[in-house]
Amino acid sequence: MSANWTLGRELSELRARLAGALREADQRWSLAGAARPVAVPALDFSETAEAFVVRVDVPGVPKGELDIAVQEGVLEITGRVPDRDAAGRELLRSERLRGAFRRAVPLPREADLANAKASLADGVLTVLIPRRLPGGRRSVEIE
């Protein structure tokens, strides 16, 4: 019986330490330094024979609040989900994303980053990255 009590106490202490570490990590990695975690919009990364496609759900985020960059083979999408709640309203439950977000997607080598295109429609950001031709070969038109 004493062994069970010791094990239970150790598990409780471990659970408390883990919860504290997770809270600290949420605060440390938050872009805004806020006490709540960063918004993480849903993302789909797919491919076709011609291109790679990244779609990110960003409902209510204006085009001017989004930034798309590519560096060292990683597509990085950052932005801010505006807080549209009326002042003085007390939230009883909140499940909508709010605040700053960052999504990073490592891209395959054959991604043609120089010709990437993005569009925003119906709350979905779509980034289309064409595939490079194998071997870096390109056709040259004769004028």
Protein backbone atom coordinates (compact mmCIF):
# COMPACT_ATOMS: atom_id res chain seq x y z
CA MET A 1 0.00 0.00 0.00
CA SER A 2 2.84 2.37 0.75
CA ALA A 3 4.32 1.71 -2.73
CA ASN A 4 1.03 2.73 -4.41
CA TRP A 5 0.88 5.96 -2.44
CA THR A 6 4.46 6.84 -3.41
CA LEU A 7 3.79 6.06 -7.06
CA GLY A 8 0.60 8.14 -7.00
CA ARG A 9 2.40 11.07 -5.42
CA GLU A 10 5.23 10.87 -7.93
CA LEU A 11 2.74 10.79 -10.82
CA SER A 12 0.93 13.84 -9.41
CA GLU A 13 4.21 15.74 -9.11
CA LEU A 14 5.19 14.75 -12.65
CA ARG A 15 1.80 15.88 -13.99
CA ALA A 16 2.16 19.26 -12.23
CA ARG A 17 5.69 19.79 -13.60
CA LEU A 18 4.57 18.87 -17.12
CA ALA A 19 1.60 21.26 -16.96
CA GLY A 20 3.92 24.07 -15.83
CA ALA A 21 6.39 23.33 -18.61
CA LEU A 22 3.61 23.37 -21.22
CA ARG A 23 2.29 26.72 -19.94
CA GLU A 24 5.80 28.15 -20.08
CA ALA A 25 6.31 26.85 -23.63
CA ASP A 26 3.00 28.40 -24.75
CA GLN A 27 4.11 31.78 -23.42
CA ARG A 28 7.64 31.52 -24.77
CA TRP A 29 6.61 30.56 -28.32
CA SER A 30 3.70 32.99 -28.61
CA LEU A 31 4.44 35.59 -31.30
CA ALA A 32 2.70 38.30 -29.34
CA GLY A 33 4.07 37.22 -25.95
CA ALA A 34 0.51 36.75 -24.75
CA ALA A 35 -0.46 34.32 -22.03
CA ARG A 36 -2.67 32.33 -24.42
CA PRO A 37 -1.33 30.09 -27.19
CA VAL A 38 -0.81 31.39 -30.71
CA ALA A 39 -3.65 30.84 -33.17
CA VAL A 40 -2.96 27.87 -35.42
CA PRO A 41 -5.11 27.95 -38.56
CA ALA A 42 -5.79 24.65 -40.31
CA LEU A 43 -3.45 23.90 -43.22
CA ASP A 44 -3.50 21.43 -46.12
CA PHE A 45 -0.36 20.69 -48.16
CA SER A 46 -0.93 18.70 -51.33
CA GLU A 47 0.70 18.09 -54.68
CA THR A 48 -0.28 17.53 -58.29
CA ALA A 49 1.88 16.54 -61.24
CA GLU A 50 2.46 20.25 -61.96
CA ALA A 51 2.58 21.97 -58.57
CA PHE A 52 2.53 21.96 -54.78
CA VAL A 53 -0.54 23.53 -53.17
CA VAL A 54 -0.81 24.97 -49.65
CA ARG A 55 -4.24 25.99 -48.38
CA VAL A 56 -4.69 27.75 -45.04
CA ASP A 57 -8.02 28.60 -43.38
CA VAL A 58 -7.93 32.29 -42.47
CA PRO A 59 -11.58 33.37 -42.17
CA GLY A 60 -12.00 37.04 -41.41
CA VAL A 61 -8.32 37.86 -41.97
CA PRO A 62 -7.87 40.73 -44.43
CA LYS A 63 -5.25 40.44 -47.17
CA GLY A 64 -3.19 43.20 -45.54
CA GLU A 65 -2.81 41.16 -42.34
CA LEU A 66 -1.11 38.25 -44.15
CA ASP A 67 2.55 37.86 -45.06
CA ILE A 68 3.97 35.07 -47.21
CA ALA A 69 7.72 34.53 -47.48
CA VAL A 70 10.04 31.80 -48.69
CA GLN A 71 13.47 31.37 -47.18
CA GLU A 72 15.86 28.44 -47.41
CA GLY A 73 13.21 26.14 -48.85
CA VAL A 74 10.57 26.90 -46.21
CA LEU A 75 7.25 28.62 -46.98
CA GLU A 76 6.32 30.82 -44.03
CA ILE A 77 2.84 32.30 -43.62
CA THR A 78 2.28 34.80 -40.83
CA GLY A 79 -0.66 36.97 -39.94
CA ARG A 80 -3.05 38.18 -37.33
CA VAL A 81 -6.62 37.09 -36.76
CA PRO A 82 -8.46 40.24 -35.65
CA ASP A 83 -10.45 40.20 -32.44
CA ARG A 84 -13.90 41.32 -33.56
CA ASP A 85 -15.71 41.08 -30.21
CA ALA A 86 -17.54 44.20 -29.17
CA ALA A 87 -16.01 46.08 -26.27
CA GLY A 88 -17.69 45.39 -22.95
CA ARG A 89 -18.95 41.97 -23.98
CA GLU A 90 -18.03 39.15 -21.62
CA LEU A 91 -17.10 35.95 -23.45
CA LEU A 92 -18.72 32.90 -21.92
CA ARG A 93 -17.02 30.55 -24.36
CA SER A 94 -14.38 31.24 -26.98
CA GLU A 95 -13.33 28.73 -29.63
CA ARG A 96 -12.51 31.04 -32.53
CA LEU A 97 -8.88 31.72 -33.38
CA ARG A 98 -7.52 35.12 -32.37
CA GLY A 99 -4.18 36.84 -32.43
CA ALA A 100 -0.93 36.29 -34.28
CA PHE A 101 -0.11 33.09 -36.10
CA ARG A 102 2.78 31.54 -38.01
CA ARG A 103 2.78 28.43 -40.16
CA ALA A 104 5.96 27.07 -41.74
CA VAL A 105 5.97 24.42 -44.45
CA PRO A 106 9.23 22.85 -45.63
CA LEU A 107 9.08 22.55 -49.41
CA PRO A 108 10.56 19.83 -51.63
CA ARG A 109 13.64 20.67 -53.71
CA GLU A 110 11.68 20.58 -56.95
CA ALA A 111 9.47 23.50 -55.81
CA ASP A 112 9.91 26.50 -58.14
CA LEU A 113 9.83 29.20 -55.46
CA ALA A 114 10.46 32.06 -57.88
CA ASN A 115 7.12 31.41 -59.59
CA ALA A 116 4.91 30.90 -56.53
CA LYS A 117 1.50 32.59 -56.60
CA ALA A 118 -1.03 33.24 -53.83
CA SER A 119 -4.74 34.04 -53.72
CA LEU A 120 -7.28 34.68 -50.98
CA ALA A 121 -10.92 33.74 -51.48
CA ASP A 122 -13.75 32.84 -49.10
CA GLY A 123 -11.43 32.81 -46.07
CA VAL A 124 -8.94 30.38 -47.62
CA LEU A 125 -5.40 31.41 -48.55
CA THR A 126 -4.08 29.29 -51.43
CA VAL A 127 -0.38 29.26 -52.33
CA LEU A 128 0.48 27.51 -55.60
CA ILE A 129 4.13 26.60 -56.12
CA PRO A 130 4.94 25.09 -59.54
CA ARG A 131 7.30 22.13 -59.87
CA ARG A 132 10.63 22.67 -61.58
CA LEU A 133 11.31 20.58 -64.61
CA PRO A 134 13.57 17.59 -63.82
CA GLY A 135 17.26 18.44 -63.85
CA GLY A 136 16.52 22.16 -63.82
CA ARG A 137 15.99 21.98 -67.58
CA ARG A 138 13.79 24.58 -69.23
CA SER A 139 12.68 25.00 -72.80
CA VAL A 140 13.70 28.16 -74.60
CA GLU A 141 11.40 29.53 -77.28
CA ILE A 142 12.86 30.63 -80.57
CA GLU A 143 11.61 34.06 -81.57
